[in-house]
């Protein structure tokens, strides 16, 4: 990965993190396990399909 690509990736990850924090139920984040669930719920639907295609053998 080029330095520019690494920087772009870092910016995208930061934007996703901000969005997740903003839209997550803060009251549910009382334990590490619950935090994992709260973050996993909105991430799985948009991430799983493209990731599955990427990881599938050609």
N, C-alpha and C. Protein backbone atom coordinates (compact mmCIF):
# COMPACT_ATOMS: atom_id res chain seq x y z
N UNK A 1 0.85 -1.17 0.00
CA UNK A 1 0.00 0.00 0.00
C UNK A 1 0.90 1.24 0.00
N UNK A 2 0.54 2.18 -0.81
CA UNK A 2 1.31 3.42 -0.86
C UNK A 2 0.99 4.27 0.36
N UNK A 3 1.84 5.24 0.69
CA UNK A 3 1.53 6.13 1.81
C UNK A 3 0.19 6.86 1.62
N UNK A 4 -0.11 7.22 0.38
CA UNK A 4 -1.37 7.91 0.12
C UNK A 4 -2.56 6.99 0.36
N UNK A 5 -2.42 5.73 -0.04
CA UNK A 5 -3.49 4.75 0.19
C UNK A 5 -3.67 4.49 1.68
N UNK A 6 -2.58 4.40 2.41
CA UNK A 6 -2.66 4.21 3.87
C UNK A 6 -3.36 5.39 4.53
N UNK A 7 -3.04 6.58 4.08
CA UNK A 7 -3.68 7.77 4.64
C UNK A 7 -5.18 7.79 4.33
N UNK A 8 -5.53 7.45 3.10
CA UNK A 8 -6.94 7.41 2.71
C UNK A 8 -7.69 6.36 3.52
N UNK A 9 -7.08 5.19 3.71
CA UNK A 9 -7.69 4.13 4.50
C UNK A 9 -7.91 4.60 5.93
N UNK A 10 -6.91 5.24 6.51
CA UNK A 10 -7.02 5.75 7.89
C UNK A 10 -8.15 6.76 8.00
N UNK A 11 -8.30 7.61 6.99
CA UNK A 11 -9.38 8.60 7.01
C UNK A 11 -10.75 7.93 6.92
N UNK A 12 -10.87 6.90 6.10
CA UNK A 12 -12.14 6.17 5.98
C UNK A 12 -12.48 5.47 7.29
N UNK A 13 -11.49 4.83 7.89
CA UNK A 13 -11.71 4.13 9.16
C UNK A 13 -12.15 5.12 10.24
N UNK A 14 -11.51 6.28 10.29
CA UNK A 14 -11.88 7.30 11.27
C UNK A 14 -13.31 7.77 11.06
N UNK A 15 -13.70 7.96 9.80
CA UNK A 15 -15.07 8.39 9.49
C UNK A 15 -16.08 7.33 9.91
N UNK A 16 -15.77 6.07 9.66
CA UNK A 16 -16.65 4.98 10.08
C UNK A 16 -16.76 4.94 11.59
N UNK A 17 -15.65 5.09 12.28
CA UNK A 17 -15.66 5.06 13.75
C UNK A 17 -16.52 6.19 14.31
N UNK A 18 -16.39 7.38 13.75
CA UNK A 18 -17.20 8.52 14.22
C UNK A 18 -18.69 8.25 14.00
N UNK A 19 -19.01 7.69 12.84
CA UNK A 19 -20.41 7.41 12.52
C UNK A 19 -20.99 6.35 13.47
N UNK A 20 -20.21 5.29 13.72
CA UNK A 20 -20.66 4.24 14.63
C UNK A 20 -20.87 4.79 16.03
N UNK A 21 -19.95 5.61 16.50
CA UNK A 21 -20.08 6.18 17.84
C UNK A 21 -21.33 7.05 17.93
N UNK A 22 -21.55 7.87 16.90
CA UNK A 22 -22.69 8.78 16.88
C UNK A 22 -24.01 8.01 16.88
N UNK A 23 -24.08 6.91 16.16
CA UNK A 23 -25.33 6.19 15.98
C UNK A 23 -25.53 5.02 16.93
N UNK A 24 -24.56 4.77 17.80
CA UNK A 24 -24.67 3.63 18.72
C UNK A 24 -25.39 4.02 19.99
N UNK A 25 -26.04 3.04 20.57
CA UNK A 25 -26.75 3.24 21.84
C UNK A 25 -25.71 3.25 22.97
N UNK A 26 -25.37 4.43 23.43
CA UNK A 26 -24.35 4.57 24.46
C UNK A 26 -24.73 3.82 25.74
N UNK A 27 -26.01 3.77 26.02
CA UNK A 27 -26.48 3.10 27.25
C UNK A 27 -26.23 1.59 27.21
N UNK A 28 -26.10 1.03 26.01
CA UNK A 28 -25.87 -0.42 25.90
C UNK A 28 -24.39 -0.78 26.02
N UNK A 29 -23.51 0.20 25.97
CA UNK A 29 -22.07 -0.06 25.98
C UNK A 29 -21.53 -0.07 27.40
N UNK A 30 -21.96 -1.06 28.16
CA UNK A 30 -21.54 -1.13 29.56
C UNK A 30 -20.48 -2.20 29.79
N UNK A 31 -20.38 -3.16 28.91
CA UNK A 31 -19.36 -4.21 29.03
C UNK A 31 -18.67 -4.37 27.68
N UNK A 32 -17.52 -5.01 27.69
CA UNK A 32 -16.80 -5.23 26.44
C UNK A 32 -17.62 -6.10 25.49
N UNK A 33 -18.30 -7.09 26.02
CA UNK A 33 -19.13 -7.96 25.20
C UNK A 33 -20.27 -7.21 24.55
N UNK A 34 -20.93 -6.35 25.32
CA UNK A 34 -22.04 -5.57 24.77
C UNK A 34 -21.53 -4.55 23.76
N UNK A 35 -20.36 -4.00 24.01
CA UNK A 35 -19.76 -3.07 23.05
C UNK A 35 -19.53 -3.76 21.71
N UNK A 36 -19.04 -4.99 21.76
CA UNK A 36 -18.81 -5.75 20.53
C UNK A 36 -20.12 -5.96 19.78
N UNK A 37 -21.18 -6.28 20.48
CA UNK A 37 -22.49 -6.50 19.85
C UNK A 37 -23.00 -5.20 19.25
N UNK A 38 -22.91 -4.10 20.01
CA UNK A 38 -23.42 -2.81 19.54
C UNK A 38 -22.68 -2.37 18.27
N UNK A 39 -21.40 -2.63 18.20
CA UNK A 39 -20.63 -2.24 17.01
C UNK A 39 -20.82 -3.21 15.86
N UNK A 40 -21.01 -4.48 16.18
CA UNK A 40 -21.17 -5.50 15.13
C UNK A 40 -22.50 -5.35 14.39
N UNK A 41 -23.56 -5.02 15.11
CA UNK A 41 -24.89 -4.96 14.50
C UNK A 41 -24.96 -4.05 13.27
N UNK A 42 -24.49 -2.81 13.33
CA UNK A 42 -24.58 -1.97 12.13
C UNK A 42 -23.51 -2.26 11.09
N UNK A 43 -22.44 -2.94 11.48
CA UNK A 43 -21.35 -3.20 10.54
C UNK A 43 -21.58 -4.41 9.65
N UNK A 44 -22.19 -5.43 10.18
CA UNK A 44 -22.30 -6.67 9.43
C UNK A 44 -23.10 -6.57 8.13
N UNK A 45 -24.28 -5.98 8.12
CA UNK A 45 -25.05 -5.96 6.86
C UNK A 45 -24.31 -5.33 5.68
N UNK A 46 -23.68 -4.16 5.83
CA UNK A 46 -23.02 -3.59 4.65
C UNK A 46 -21.64 -4.19 4.36
N UNK A 47 -21.00 -4.81 5.34
CA UNK A 47 -19.62 -5.28 5.16
C UNK A 47 -19.55 -6.74 4.72
N UNK A 48 -20.41 -7.57 5.26
CA UNK A 48 -20.32 -9.01 4.98
C UNK A 48 -20.40 -9.37 3.49
N UNK A 49 -21.39 -8.88 2.73
CA UNK A 49 -21.48 -9.30 1.32
C UNK A 49 -20.22 -8.97 0.50
N UNK A 50 -19.72 -7.73 0.53
CA UNK A 50 -18.52 -7.46 -0.26
C UNK A 50 -17.29 -8.23 0.25
N UNK A 51 -17.20 -8.41 1.54
CA UNK A 51 -16.06 -9.14 2.10
C UNK A 51 -16.13 -10.60 1.69
N UNK A 52 -17.32 -11.17 1.65
CA UNK A 52 -17.49 -12.55 1.22
C UNK A 52 -17.06 -12.74 -0.23
N UNK A 53 -17.39 -11.79 -1.08
CA UNK A 53 -16.99 -11.86 -2.48
C UNK A 53 -15.48 -11.75 -2.59
N UNK A 54 -14.88 -10.87 -1.81
CA UNK A 54 -13.44 -10.68 -1.84
C UNK A 54 -12.70 -11.94 -1.37
N UNK A 55 -13.24 -12.60 -0.35
CA UNK A 55 -12.58 -13.76 0.22
C UNK A 55 -12.89 -15.07 -0.51
N UNK A 56 -13.92 -15.07 -1.35
CA UNK A 56 -14.30 -16.29 -2.06
C UNK A 56 -13.24 -16.65 -3.09
N UNK A 57 -12.95 -17.93 -3.21
CA UNK A 57 -11.98 -18.33 -4.23
C UNK A 57 -12.51 -18.05 -5.63
N UNK A 58 -11.62 -17.67 -6.50
CA UNK A 58 -12.03 -17.32 -7.88
C UNK A 58 -12.23 -18.55 -8.72
